[in-house]
């Protein structure tokens, strides 16, 4: 079903995960690709509402998380709050990470995008996953965009060497009044990345747990 001139809902039959795609504005061989990873409780249509405003050179693929919370509600992994602290389901997190790597490989075979120009953009839990993928497999990605996310301590145990990370581009953005994931998570992530030979583009904005117009504008500028 076409929703605009270059926005198409697709399901590649052999794909590891459900997704929707926006083709590049101009037909070109081997375009760069941007994978969008939504937050917990949402779905592939959430971040895709911004797709038509993203740089036209990109093939944009918005991915649905594999675990169901409810109708049209999905998560990359479940979180147990019964102890009063957040305890993530590590097996599900690992499964989502591995599924995404397989999915990206499948998409490259199907869409023939530039394998050296693969970007991830995640919001909230999707940003947590983008951190995990980008920092552990920098050989796979050109850049990661972290929107209102955090870097888990568990991920740090598997981060690639500083030498391998130096070519990874990183964009971090966060609202200063975020009550879901407070802004100190973004600041801690920034300081950690500096110790790993990465100098991210870092932005803070007034506001809570969401994507403001200014945040989106800065993301587009970074991608451009």
N, C-alpha and C. Protein backbone atom coordinates (compact mmCIF):
# COMPACT_ATOMS: atom_id res chain seq x y z
N UNK A 1 0.85 -1.20 0.00
CA UNK A 1 0.00 0.00 0.00
C UNK A 1 0.88 1.24 0.00
N UNK A 2 0.73 2.11 -0.97
CA UNK A 2 1.49 3.35 -1.03
C UNK A 2 0.81 4.41 -0.18
N UNK A 3 1.61 5.07 0.67
CA UNK A 3 1.10 6.18 1.48
C UNK A 3 1.58 7.51 0.94
N UNK A 4 2.63 7.49 0.16
CA UNK A 4 3.13 8.70 -0.50
C UNK A 4 3.89 8.23 -1.73
N UNK A 5 4.53 9.15 -2.42
CA UNK A 5 5.17 8.79 -3.68
C UNK A 5 6.28 7.76 -3.51
N UNK A 6 6.96 7.77 -2.35
CA UNK A 6 8.08 6.84 -2.20
C UNK A 6 8.04 6.11 -0.87
N UNK A 7 6.87 5.97 -0.29
CA UNK A 7 6.72 5.23 0.97
C UNK A 7 5.92 3.97 0.70
N UNK A 8 6.49 2.83 1.01
CA UNK A 8 5.86 1.56 0.68
C UNK A 8 5.89 0.64 1.89
N UNK A 9 4.75 0.04 2.19
CA UNK A 9 4.70 -0.99 3.22
C UNK A 9 5.02 -2.33 2.56
N UNK A 10 6.05 -3.00 3.06
CA UNK A 10 6.49 -4.23 2.45
C UNK A 10 6.74 -5.31 3.49
N UNK A 11 6.65 -6.54 3.06
CA UNK A 11 7.07 -7.67 3.88
C UNK A 11 7.83 -8.62 2.98
N UNK A 12 9.14 -8.51 2.97
CA UNK A 12 9.97 -9.44 2.21
C UNK A 12 9.77 -10.83 2.82
N UNK A 13 9.28 -11.82 2.07
CA UNK A 13 8.82 -13.09 2.65
C UNK A 13 9.83 -13.78 3.54
N UNK A 14 11.13 -13.68 3.23
CA UNK A 14 12.13 -14.40 4.01
C UNK A 14 12.77 -13.55 5.10
N UNK A 15 12.27 -12.35 5.32
CA UNK A 15 12.89 -11.44 6.27
C UNK A 15 12.76 -11.96 7.70
N UNK A 16 13.79 -11.69 8.48
CA UNK A 16 13.83 -12.12 9.87
C UNK A 16 12.81 -11.37 10.72
N UNK A 17 12.53 -10.11 10.36
CA UNK A 17 11.66 -9.25 11.15
C UNK A 17 10.67 -8.51 10.24
N UNK A 18 9.57 -8.07 10.82
CA UNK A 18 8.61 -7.23 10.10
C UNK A 18 9.19 -5.82 9.92
N UNK A 19 8.84 -5.18 8.81
CA UNK A 19 9.39 -3.84 8.56
C UNK A 19 8.54 -3.10 7.53
N UNK A 20 8.79 -1.80 7.46
CA UNK A 20 8.27 -0.96 6.38
C UNK A 20 9.42 -0.14 5.83
N UNK A 21 9.29 0.34 4.59
CA UNK A 21 10.44 0.95 3.94
C UNK A 21 10.04 2.20 3.17
N UNK A 22 10.94 3.16 3.16
CA UNK A 22 10.86 4.32 2.26
C UNK A 22 12.03 4.24 1.30
N UNK A 23 11.72 4.16 0.03
CA UNK A 23 12.78 4.11 -0.97
C UNK A 23 13.48 5.48 -1.05
N UNK A 24 14.73 5.52 -1.52
CA UNK A 24 15.40 6.81 -1.72
C UNK A 24 14.61 7.69 -2.69
N UNK A 25 14.69 9.00 -2.48
CA UNK A 25 13.96 9.94 -3.33
C UNK A 25 14.43 9.85 -4.78
N UNK A 26 15.73 9.59 -4.96
CA UNK A 26 16.30 9.43 -6.29
C UNK A 26 16.84 8.02 -6.43
N UNK A 27 16.47 7.37 -7.53
CA UNK A 27 16.99 6.03 -7.76
C UNK A 27 18.49 6.08 -7.94
N UNK A 28 19.18 5.24 -7.17
CA UNK A 28 20.63 5.19 -7.25
C UNK A 28 21.09 3.80 -6.86
N UNK A 29 22.17 3.36 -7.46
CA UNK A 29 22.73 2.05 -7.10
C UNK A 29 23.41 2.16 -5.74
N UNK A 30 23.19 1.18 -4.89
CA UNK A 30 23.85 1.09 -3.59
C UNK A 30 23.70 2.35 -2.73
N UNK A 31 22.48 2.74 -2.39
CA UNK A 31 22.28 3.91 -1.54
C UNK A 31 22.70 3.62 -0.10
N UNK A 32 22.95 4.66 0.69
CA UNK A 32 23.11 4.44 2.13
C UNK A 32 21.77 4.04 2.72
N UNK A 33 21.81 3.39 3.88
CA UNK A 33 20.57 2.90 4.48
C UNK A 33 20.49 3.32 5.95
N UNK A 34 19.28 3.64 6.39
CA UNK A 34 19.03 4.02 7.78
C UNK A 34 17.97 3.09 8.34
N UNK A 35 18.32 2.35 9.39
CA UNK A 35 17.37 1.47 10.07
C UNK A 35 16.83 2.19 11.30
N UNK A 36 15.50 2.24 11.43
CA UNK A 36 14.83 2.90 12.55
C UNK A 36 14.37 1.85 13.56
N UNK A 37 14.71 2.07 14.84
CA UNK A 37 14.38 1.14 15.91
C UNK A 37 13.51 1.85 16.94
N UNK A 38 12.26 1.43 17.05
CA UNK A 38 11.31 2.10 17.93
C UNK A 38 11.54 1.76 19.40
N UNK A 39 10.85 2.48 20.28
CA UNK A 39 10.92 2.22 21.71
C UNK A 39 9.96 1.13 22.14
N UNK A 40 10.08 0.71 23.39
CA UNK A 40 9.23 -0.36 23.90
C UNK A 40 7.76 0.07 23.93
N UNK A 41 6.89 -0.84 23.57
CA UNK A 41 5.46 -0.57 23.55
C UNK A 41 4.96 0.05 22.27
N UNK A 42 5.87 0.30 21.33
CA UNK A 42 5.48 0.93 20.07
C UNK A 42 5.61 -0.09 18.94
N UNK A 43 5.76 0.40 17.73
CA UNK A 43 5.89 -0.48 16.58
C UNK A 43 6.62 0.24 15.45
N UNK A 44 6.74 -0.44 14.32
CA UNK A 44 7.53 0.09 13.21
C UNK A 44 6.97 1.35 12.58
N UNK A 45 5.71 1.68 12.86
CA UNK A 45 5.12 2.88 12.27
C UNK A 45 5.45 4.16 13.05
N UNK A 46 5.97 4.01 14.26
CA UNK A 46 6.20 5.16 15.13
C UNK A 46 7.24 6.12 14.53
N UNK A 47 8.50 5.72 14.50
CA UNK A 47 9.54 6.59 13.94
C UNK A 47 9.36 6.81 12.45
N UNK A 48 8.62 5.92 11.80
CA UNK A 48 8.42 6.04 10.35
C UNK A 48 7.61 7.28 9.99
N UNK A 49 6.92 7.88 10.97
CA UNK A 49 6.18 9.11 10.69
C UNK A 49 7.12 10.23 10.26
N UNK A 50 8.42 10.10 10.59
CA UNK A 50 9.42 11.10 10.20
C UNK A 50 10.10 10.78 8.87
N UNK A 51 9.80 9.62 8.30
CA UNK A 51 10.59 9.11 7.18
C UNK A 51 10.65 10.07 6.00
N UNK A 52 9.52 10.67 5.67
CA UNK A 52 9.50 11.52 4.48
C UNK A 52 10.35 12.78 4.65
N UNK A 53 10.72 13.11 5.90
CA UNK A 53 11.53 14.29 6.15
C UNK A 53 13.01 13.97 6.34
N UNK A 54 13.37 12.71 6.25
CA UNK A 54 14.77 12.32 6.35
C UNK A 54 15.47 12.54 5.01
N UNK A 55 16.79 12.69 5.01
CA UNK A 55 17.51 12.96 3.75
C UNK A 55 17.15 11.96 2.66
N UNK A 56 16.85 12.49 1.46
CA UNK A 56 16.34 11.69 0.38
C UNK A 56 17.30 10.66 -0.17
N UNK A 57 18.60 10.80 0.16
CA UNK A 57 19.57 9.83 -0.36
C UNK A 57 19.44 8.46 0.29
N UNK A 58 18.80 8.42 1.48
CA UNK A 58 18.74 7.18 2.25
C UNK A 58 17.60 6.26 1.84
N UNK A 59 17.89 4.97 1.81
CA UNK A 59 16.86 3.95 1.93
C UNK A 59 16.54 3.88 3.43
N UNK A 60 15.27 4.03 3.79
CA UNK A 60 14.88 4.04 5.20
C UNK A 60 14.05 2.80 5.49
N UNK A 61 14.49 2.02 6.47
CA UNK A 61 13.80 0.78 6.85
C UNK A 61 13.46 0.85 8.33
N UNK A 62 12.18 0.84 8.64
CA UNK A 62 11.72 0.88 10.02
C UNK A 62 11.31 -0.52 10.45
N UNK A 63 11.89 -0.98 11.56
CA UNK A 63 11.82 -2.38 11.95
C UNK A 63 10.91 -2.56 13.17
N UNK A 64 10.15 -3.63 13.17
CA UNK A 64 9.31 -3.98 14.32
C UNK A 64 10.08 -4.91 15.26
N UNK A 65 10.07 -4.60 16.55
CA UNK A 65 10.70 -5.47 17.54
C UNK A 65 10.00 -6.83 17.57
N UNK A 66 10.71 -7.89 17.95
CA UNK A 66 10.17 -9.24 17.80
C UNK A 66 9.24 -9.73 18.91
N UNK A 67 9.22 -9.05 20.07
CA UNK A 67 8.43 -9.56 21.19
C UNK A 67 7.17 -8.71 21.39
N UNK A 68 6.04 -9.38 21.57
CA UNK A 68 4.74 -8.71 21.64
C UNK A 68 4.39 -8.34 23.07
N UNK A 69 3.93 -7.09 23.26
CA UNK A 69 3.39 -6.65 24.54
C UNK A 69 1.87 -6.63 24.52
N UNK A 70 1.30 -6.30 23.36
CA UNK A 70 -0.14 -6.20 23.20
C UNK A 70 -0.45 -5.88 21.76
N UNK A 71 -1.70 -5.54 21.45
CA UNK A 71 -2.06 -5.19 20.07
C UNK A 71 -1.21 -4.01 19.56
N UNK A 72 -0.50 -4.22 18.46
CA UNK A 72 0.35 -3.18 17.85
C UNK A 72 1.40 -2.64 18.83
N UNK A 73 1.78 -3.43 19.80
CA UNK A 73 2.73 -3.01 20.83
C UNK A 73 3.81 -4.06 20.98
N UNK A 74 5.06 -3.65 20.75
CA UNK A 74 6.18 -4.60 20.69
C UNK A 74 7.36 -4.09 21.49
N UNK A 75 8.26 -5.01 21.82
CA UNK A 75 9.45 -4.64 22.59
C UNK A 75 10.64 -5.46 22.11
N UNK A 76 11.83 -4.90 22.28
CA UNK A 76 13.06 -5.60 21.92
C UNK A 76 13.44 -6.59 23.01
N UNK A 77 13.01 -6.31 24.23
CA UNK A 77 13.18 -7.25 25.35
C UNK A 77 12.28 -6.78 26.49
N UNK A 78 11.85 -7.72 27.31
CA UNK A 78 11.02 -7.39 28.46
C UNK A 78 11.88 -6.91 29.62
N UNK A 79 11.30 -6.07 30.45
CA UNK A 79 11.98 -5.53 31.63
C UNK A 79 11.17 -5.90 32.86
N UNK A 80 11.84 -6.50 33.86
CA UNK A 80 11.21 -6.89 35.12
C UNK A 80 11.43 -5.79 36.15
N UNK A 81 10.33 -5.24 36.66
CA UNK A 81 10.41 -4.15 37.64
C UNK A 81 10.00 -4.60 39.04
N UNK A 82 9.79 -5.90 39.25
CA UNK A 82 9.26 -6.36 40.53
C UNK A 82 10.22 -6.13 41.69
N UNK A 83 11.50 -6.05 41.41
CA UNK A 83 12.49 -5.84 42.48
C UNK A 83 12.67 -4.36 42.81
N UNK A 84 11.99 -3.49 42.08
CA UNK A 84 12.15 -2.06 42.29
C UNK A 84 13.21 -1.44 41.40
N UNK A 85 13.97 -2.25 40.70
CA UNK A 85 14.95 -1.78 39.72
C UNK A 85 14.67 -2.47 38.40
N UNK A 86 15.22 -1.91 37.33
CA UNK A 86 14.99 -2.49 36.01
C UNK A 86 15.93 -3.67 35.78
N UNK A 87 15.35 -4.84 35.54
CA UNK A 87 16.14 -6.02 35.22
C UNK A 87 15.73 -6.48 33.82
N UNK A 88 16.64 -6.36 32.87
CA UNK A 88 16.29 -6.69 31.50
C UNK A 88 16.40 -8.20 31.27
N UNK A 89 15.62 -8.69 30.33
CA UNK A 89 15.69 -10.08 29.92
C UNK A 89 16.86 -10.20 28.94
N UNK A 90 17.99 -10.67 29.44
CA UNK A 90 19.21 -10.69 28.65
C UNK A 90 19.09 -11.61 27.44
N UNK A 91 18.39 -12.74 27.60
CA UNK A 91 18.24 -13.66 26.47
C UNK A 91 17.47 -13.01 25.34
N UNK A 92 16.42 -12.26 25.69
CA UNK A 92 15.64 -11.57 24.66
C UNK A 92 16.46 -10.46 24.01
N UNK A 93 17.23 -9.72 24.82
CA UNK A 93 18.07 -8.65 24.27
C UNK A 93 19.09 -9.22 23.29
N UNK A 94 19.70 -10.34 23.66
CA UNK A 94 20.67 -10.98 22.76
C UNK A 94 19.98 -11.48 21.49
N UNK A 95 18.78 -12.04 21.65
CA UNK A 95 18.06 -12.54 20.49
C UNK A 95 17.71 -11.41 19.54
N UNK A 96 17.27 -10.27 20.09
CA UNK A 96 16.94 -9.12 19.24
C UNK A 96 18.16 -8.60 18.52
N UNK A 97 19.27 -8.52 19.22
CA UNK A 97 20.51 -8.03 18.59
C UNK A 97 20.93 -8.95 17.44
N UNK A 98 20.92 -10.25 17.69
CA UNK A 98 21.31 -11.20 16.65
C UNK A 98 20.31 -11.20 15.49
N UNK A 99 19.03 -11.08 15.82
CA UNK A 99 18.01 -11.05 14.77
C UNK A 99 18.20 -9.83 13.87
N UNK A 100 18.55 -8.70 14.47
CA UNK A 100 18.76 -7.48 13.68
C UNK A 100 19.96 -7.62 12.75
N UNK A 101 21.03 -8.21 13.23
CA UNK A 101 22.20 -8.41 12.38
C UNK A 101 21.85 -9.31 11.20
N UNK A 102 21.10 -10.37 11.46
CA UNK A 102 20.68 -11.25 10.38
C UNK A 102 19.73 -10.53 9.42
N UNK A 103 18.83 -9.75 10.00
CA UNK A 103 17.86 -9.00 9.20
C UNK A 103 18.56 -8.01 8.27
N UNK A 104 19.55 -7.30 8.79
CA UNK A 104 20.27 -6.32 7.98
C UNK A 104 20.99 -7.02 6.82
N UNK A 105 21.56 -8.18 7.09
CA UNK A 105 22.21 -8.94 6.03
C UNK A 105 21.19 -9.36 4.96
N UNK A 106 20.02 -9.78 5.39
CA UNK A 106 18.97 -10.15 4.44
C UNK A 106 18.54 -8.95 3.61
N UNK A 107 18.40 -7.81 4.25
CA UNK A 107 17.96 -6.60 3.55
C UNK A 107 19.02 -6.15 2.53
N UNK A 108 20.29 -6.31 2.87
CA UNK A 108 21.34 -5.91 1.94
C UNK A 108 21.28 -6.76 0.68
N UNK A 109 21.00 -8.04 0.83
CA UNK A 109 20.88 -8.92 -0.33
C UNK A 109 19.66 -8.55 -1.16
N UNK A 110 18.60 -8.09 -0.49
CA UNK A 110 17.35 -7.79 -1.21
C UNK A 110 17.36 -6.41 -1.84
N UNK A 111 17.90 -5.41 -1.12
CA UNK A 111 17.83 -4.02 -1.60
C UNK A 111 19.14 -3.48 -2.17
N UNK A 112 20.24 -4.22 -1.99
CA UNK A 112 21.52 -3.82 -2.58
C UNK A 112 21.97 -2.43 -2.13
N UNK A 113 21.81 -2.11 -0.84
CA UNK A 113 22.33 -0.83 -0.35
C UNK A 113 23.83 -0.95 -0.07
N UNK A 114 24.45 0.18 0.18
CA UNK A 114 25.89 0.24 0.42
C UNK A 114 26.21 -0.35 1.79
N UNK A 115 26.91 -1.46 1.82
CA UNK A 115 27.20 -2.13 3.09
C UNK A 115 28.17 -1.35 3.97
N UNK A 116 28.80 -0.32 3.40
CA UNK A 116 29.70 0.53 4.19
C UNK A 116 29.02 1.81 4.66
N UNK A 117 27.72 1.92 4.38
CA UNK A 117 26.95 3.11 4.76
C UNK A 117 25.65 2.68 5.47
N UNK A 118 25.80 1.88 6.52
CA UNK A 118 24.65 1.40 7.29
C UNK A 118 24.55 2.20 8.58
N UNK A 119 23.41 2.85 8.77
CA UNK A 119 23.17 3.66 9.97
C UNK A 119 22.00 3.09 10.77
N UNK A 120 22.10 3.22 12.09
CA UNK A 120 21.00 2.89 12.99
C UNK A 120 20.52 4.15 13.68
N UNK A 121 19.21 4.28 13.83
CA UNK A 121 18.63 5.37 14.62
C UNK A 121 17.59 4.76 15.55
N UNK A 122 17.84 4.87 16.86
CA UNK A 122 16.92 4.28 17.82
C UNK A 122 16.42 5.29 18.82
N UNK A 123 15.16 5.10 19.24
CA UNK A 123 14.56 5.93 20.29
C UNK A 123 14.33 5.08 21.53
N UNK A 124 14.72 5.58 22.71
CA UNK A 124 14.48 4.92 23.99
C UNK A 124 15.07 3.51 23.98
N UNK A 125 14.25 2.47 24.11
CA UNK A 125 14.80 1.12 24.09
C UNK A 125 15.46 0.80 22.76
N UNK A 126 14.94 1.38 21.67
CA UNK A 126 15.58 1.22 20.38
C UNK A 126 16.97 1.84 20.36
N UNK A 127 17.15 2.94 21.10
CA UNK A 127 18.47 3.57 21.22
C UNK A 127 19.42 2.70 22.03
N UNK A 128 18.89 2.05 23.07
CA UNK A 128 19.71 1.12 23.86
C UNK A 128 20.24 0.01 22.96
N UNK A 129 19.37 -0.49 22.09
CA UNK A 129 19.78 -1.54 21.16
C UNK A 129 20.78 -1.01 20.14
N UNK A 130 20.58 0.22 19.67
CA UNK A 130 21.52 0.81 18.72
C UNK A 130 22.91 0.95 19.34
N UNK A 131 22.95 1.37 20.60
CA UNK A 131 24.23 1.42 21.32
C UNK A 131 24.89 0.04 21.32
N UNK A 132 24.10 -0.97 21.71
CA UNK A 132 24.63 -2.33 21.82
C UNK A 132 25.19 -2.84 20.49
N UNK A 133 24.45 -2.62 19.42
CA UNK A 133 24.88 -3.08 18.11
C UNK A 133 26.09 -2.30 17.61
N UNK A 134 26.00 -0.98 17.70
CA UNK A 134 27.07 -0.16 17.14
C UNK A 134 28.40 -0.32 17.86
N UNK A 135 28.36 -0.43 19.17
CA UNK A 135 29.60 -0.49 19.95
C UNK A 135 30.22 -1.87 19.97
N UNK A 136 29.42 -2.90 19.75
CA UNK A 136 29.98 -4.25 19.73
C UNK A 136 30.32 -4.73 18.33
N UNK A 137 29.68 -4.12 17.31
CA UNK A 137 29.94 -4.50 15.92
C UNK A 137 30.18 -3.27 15.05
N UNK A 138 31.21 -2.47 15.39
CA UNK A 138 31.46 -1.27 14.58
C UNK A 138 31.89 -1.59 13.15
N UNK A 139 32.28 -2.84 12.92
CA UNK A 139 32.61 -3.26 11.56
C UNK A 139 31.37 -3.30 10.68
N UNK A 140 30.20 -3.34 11.30
CA UNK A 140 28.93 -3.50 10.59
C UNK A 140 28.28 -2.16 10.26
N UNK A 141 28.61 -1.12 11.04
CA UNK A 141 27.85 0.13 10.96
C UNK A 141 28.75 1.33 10.72
N UNK A 142 28.22 2.28 9.95
CA UNK A 142 28.89 3.56 9.74
C UNK A 142 28.59 4.53 10.88
N UNK A 143 27.32 4.50 11.36
CA UNK A 143 26.96 5.44 12.42
C UNK A 143 25.72 5.00 13.17
N UNK A 144 25.58 5.51 14.40
CA UNK A 144 24.39 5.23 15.21
C UNK A 144 23.88 6.56 15.77
N UNK A 145 22.56 6.70 15.80
CA UNK A 145 21.92 7.88 16.37
C UNK A 145 21.13 7.44 17.60
N UNK A 146 21.44 8.04 18.74
CA UNK A 146 20.86 7.67 20.02
C UNK A 146 19.90 8.77 20.45
N UNK A 147 18.60 8.50 20.39
CA UNK A 147 17.59 9.49 20.76
C UNK A 147 16.96 9.07 22.09
N UNK A 148 17.25 9.82 23.14
CA UNK A 148 16.66 9.58 24.47
C UNK A 148 16.89 8.14 24.93
N UNK A 149 18.13 7.71 24.87
CA UNK A 149 18.47 6.35 25.25
C UNK A 149 19.49 6.30 26.37
N UNK A 150 20.08 5.12 26.53
CA UNK A 150 21.14 4.95 27.53
C UNK A 150 22.04 3.80 27.10
N UNK A 151 23.25 3.81 27.63
CA UNK A 151 24.20 2.74 27.40
C UNK A 151 24.18 1.83 28.62
N UNK A 152 23.80 0.57 28.43
CA UNK A 152 23.72 -0.37 29.54
C UNK A 152 25.12 -0.79 29.99
N UNK A 153 25.28 -0.98 31.30
CA UNK A 153 26.55 -1.47 31.81
C UNK A 153 26.88 -2.83 31.22
N UNK A 154 25.85 -3.65 30.96
CA UNK A 154 26.07 -4.98 30.40
C UNK A 154 26.74 -4.91 29.03
N UNK A 155 26.43 -3.86 28.28
CA UNK A 155 27.01 -3.71 26.94
C UNK A 155 28.51 -3.44 27.01
N UNK A 156 28.94 -2.72 28.03
CA UNK A 156 30.34 -2.30 28.12
C UNK A 156 31.29 -3.49 28.16
N UNK A 157 30.82 -4.63 28.64
CA UNK A 157 31.67 -5.82 28.73
C UNK A 157 32.03 -6.37 27.35
N UNK A 158 31.26 -5.99 26.34
CA UNK A 158 31.45 -6.56 25.01
C UNK A 158 31.84 -5.51 23.96
N UNK A 159 32.12 -4.30 24.40
CA UNK A 159 32.44 -3.22 23.47
C UNK A 159 33.75 -3.52 22.73
N UNK A 160 33.76 -3.19 21.45
CA UNK A 160 34.95 -3.42 20.63
C UNK A 160 36.09 -2.52 21.07
N UNK A 161 37.26 -2.79 20.55
CA UNK A 161 38.45 -2.01 20.92
C UNK A 161 38.32 -0.57 20.43
N UNK A 162 39.02 0.34 21.10
CA UNK A 162 39.01 1.74 20.71
C UNK A 162 39.49 1.92 19.29
N UNK A 163 40.43 1.10 18.85
CA UNK A 163 40.93 1.18 17.49
C UNK A 163 39.82 0.90 16.48
N UNK A 164 39.00 -0.12 16.75
CA UNK A 164 37.90 -0.47 15.85
C UNK A 164 36.77 0.54 15.90
N UNK A 165 36.62 1.21 17.04
CA UNK A 165 35.51 2.15 17.22
C UNK A 165 35.76 3.52 16.63
N UNK A 166 37.01 3.83 16.30
CA UNK A 166 37.34 5.21 15.94
C UNK A 166 36.65 5.68 14.67
N UNK A 167 36.22 4.75 13.81
CA UNK A 167 35.54 5.14 12.56
C UNK A 167 34.03 5.23 12.72
N UNK A 168 33.49 4.90 13.91
CA UNK A 168 32.04 4.91 14.11
C UNK A 168 31.56 6.33 14.42
N UNK A 169 30.59 6.81 13.64
CA UNK A 169 29.97 8.12 13.90
C UNK A 169 28.82 7.94 14.88
N UNK A 170 28.71 8.84 15.86
CA UNK A 170 27.67 8.72 16.88
C UNK A 170 26.99 10.06 17.10
N UNK A 171 25.67 10.04 17.14
CA UNK A 171 24.84 11.21 17.46
C UNK A 171 24.05 10.87 18.72
N UNK A 172 24.16 11.71 19.76
CA UNK A 172 23.43 11.50 21.01
C UNK A 172 22.57 12.73 21.27
N UNK A 173 21.29 12.51 21.57
CA UNK A 173 20.40 13.63 21.88
C UNK A 173 19.46 13.21 23.01
N UNK A 174 19.11 14.20 23.85
CA UNK A 174 18.32 13.87 25.04
C UNK A 174 17.61 15.11 25.57
N UNK A 175 16.43 14.91 26.13
CA UNK A 175 15.70 15.98 26.78
C UNK A 175 16.15 16.16 28.22
N UNK A 176 16.32 17.38 28.63
CA UNK A 176 16.84 17.64 29.98
C UNK A 176 15.82 17.36 31.07
N UNK A 177 14.53 17.29 30.70
CA UNK A 177 13.49 16.98 31.69
C UNK A 177 12.92 15.57 31.51
N UNK A 178 13.70 14.70 30.91
CA UNK A 178 13.26 13.33 30.67
C UNK A 178 13.11 12.60 32.02
N UNK A 179 11.88 12.14 32.32
CA UNK A 179 11.64 11.42 33.57
C UNK A 179 11.67 9.90 33.39
N UNK A 180 11.65 9.44 32.15
CA UNK A 180 11.71 8.00 31.87
C UNK A 180 13.16 7.52 31.90
N UNK A 181 14.00 8.18 31.13
CA UNK A 181 15.44 7.94 31.15
C UNK A 181 16.12 9.30 31.39
N UNK A 182 16.41 9.64 32.63
CA UNK A 182 16.96 10.97 32.95
C UNK A 182 18.22 11.29 32.15
N UNK A 183 18.44 12.58 31.96
CA UNK A 183 19.50 13.05 31.07
C UNK A 183 20.89 12.62 31.52
N UNK A 184 21.05 12.25 32.80
CA UNK A 184 22.39 11.82 33.23
C UNK A 184 22.85 10.58 32.47
N UNK A 185 21.89 9.78 31.95
CA UNK A 185 22.29 8.63 31.14
C UNK A 185 22.99 9.06 29.86
N UNK A 186 22.49 10.11 29.24
CA UNK A 186 23.13 10.62 28.02
C UNK A 186 24.52 11.16 28.33
N UNK A 187 24.65 11.89 29.43
CA UNK A 187 25.95 12.47 29.80
C UNK A 187 26.95 11.39 30.15
N UNK A 188 26.49 10.35 30.83
CA UNK A 188 27.38 9.24 31.17
C UNK A 188 27.82 8.50 29.90
N UNK A 189 26.89 8.33 28.95
CA UNK A 189 27.25 7.69 27.69
C UNK A 189 28.29 8.49 26.93
N UNK A 190 28.12 9.81 26.94
CA UNK A 190 29.08 10.70 26.27
C UNK A 190 30.48 10.52 26.86
N UNK A 191 30.57 10.56 28.17
CA UNK A 191 31.89 10.44 28.82
C UNK A 191 32.50 9.08 28.57
N UNK A 192 31.68 8.04 28.57
CA UNK A 192 32.22 6.71 28.31
C UNK A 192 32.76 6.62 26.88
N UNK A 193 32.02 7.14 25.91
CA UNK A 193 32.46 7.06 24.52
C UNK A 193 33.78 7.79 24.30
N UNK A 194 33.97 8.87 25.01
CA UNK A 194 35.23 9.60 24.88
C UNK A 194 36.42 8.74 25.30
N UNK A 195 36.19 7.83 26.27
CA UNK A 195 37.26 6.94 26.70
C UNK A 195 37.53 5.84 25.68
N UNK A 196 36.62 5.69 24.72
CA UNK A 196 36.76 4.64 23.70
C UNK A 196 37.11 5.21 22.34
N UNK A 197 37.67 6.39 22.32
CA UNK A 197 38.18 6.98 21.07
C UNK A 197 37.06 7.50 20.17
N UNK A 198 35.88 7.80 20.76
CA UNK A 198 34.76 8.33 19.99
C UNK A 198 34.43 9.72 20.49
N UNK A 199 34.25 10.65 19.57
CA UNK A 199 33.85 12.01 19.92
C UNK A 199 32.48 12.28 19.29
N UNK A 200 31.39 11.96 20.01
CA UNK A 200 30.06 12.03 19.40
C UNK A 200 29.60 13.47 19.17
N UNK A 201 28.64 13.61 18.28
CA UNK A 201 27.83 14.83 18.23
C UNK A 201 26.82 14.72 19.36
N UNK A 202 26.83 15.68 20.27
CA UNK A 202 26.01 15.58 21.49
C UNK A 202 25.12 16.80 21.62
N UNK A 203 23.82 16.55 21.88
CA UNK A 203 22.84 17.64 21.98
C UNK A 203 21.89 17.37 23.15
N UNK A 204 21.58 18.45 23.89
CA UNK A 204 20.52 18.41 24.90
C UNK A 204 19.47 19.45 24.55
N UNK A 205 18.23 19.15 24.95
CA UNK A 205 17.10 20.03 24.62
C UNK A 205 16.17 20.15 25.82
N UNK A 206 15.48 21.28 25.96
CA UNK A 206 14.41 21.35 26.95
C UNK A 206 13.33 20.34 26.58
N UNK A 207 12.76 19.68 27.57
CA UNK A 207 11.67 18.76 27.26
C UNK A 207 11.89 17.38 27.85
N UNK A 208 10.90 16.53 27.68
CA UNK A 208 10.89 15.22 28.30
C UNK A 208 11.31 14.11 27.36
N UNK A 209 10.67 12.95 27.55
CA UNK A 209 11.05 11.73 26.83
C UNK A 209 10.32 11.69 25.49
N UNK A 210 10.94 12.28 24.50
CA UNK A 210 10.32 12.34 23.19
C UNK A 210 11.29 12.91 22.18
N UNK A 211 10.81 13.12 20.96
CA UNK A 211 11.63 13.67 19.88
C UNK A 211 11.07 15.04 19.53
N UNK A 212 11.77 16.06 19.95
CA UNK A 212 11.32 17.43 19.66
C UNK A 212 11.68 17.81 18.23
N UNK A 213 11.12 18.91 17.77
CA UNK A 213 11.46 19.40 16.42
C UNK A 213 12.95 19.71 16.32
N UNK A 214 13.51 20.32 17.36
CA UNK A 214 14.94 20.67 17.32
C UNK A 214 15.81 19.41 17.30
N UNK A 215 15.40 18.41 18.07
CA UNK A 215 16.15 17.15 18.08
C UNK A 215 16.13 16.52 16.69
N UNK A 216 14.97 16.51 16.07
CA UNK A 216 14.86 15.91 14.74
C UNK A 216 15.66 16.70 13.72
N UNK A 217 15.61 18.03 13.79
CA UNK A 217 16.38 18.85 12.87
C UNK A 217 17.86 18.58 12.98
N UNK A 218 18.35 18.41 14.21
CA UNK A 218 19.77 18.13 14.41
C UNK A 218 20.14 16.73 13.92
N UNK A 219 19.21 15.79 14.07
CA UNK A 219 19.44 14.45 13.52
C UNK A 219 19.59 14.50 12.02
N UNK A 220 18.69 15.23 11.36
CA UNK A 220 18.75 15.34 9.90
C UNK A 220 20.06 15.99 9.47
N UNK A 221 20.47 17.02 10.18
CA UNK A 221 21.74 17.68 9.85
C UNK A 221 22.91 16.71 10.00
N UNK A 222 22.90 15.91 11.07
CA UNK A 222 23.96 14.92 11.28
C UNK A 222 23.97 13.89 10.16
N UNK A 223 22.81 13.41 9.77
CA UNK A 223 22.72 12.43 8.69
C UNK A 223 23.16 13.00 7.35
N UNK A 224 22.95 14.29 7.19
CA UNK A 224 23.29 14.94 5.92
C UNK A 224 24.78 15.18 5.76
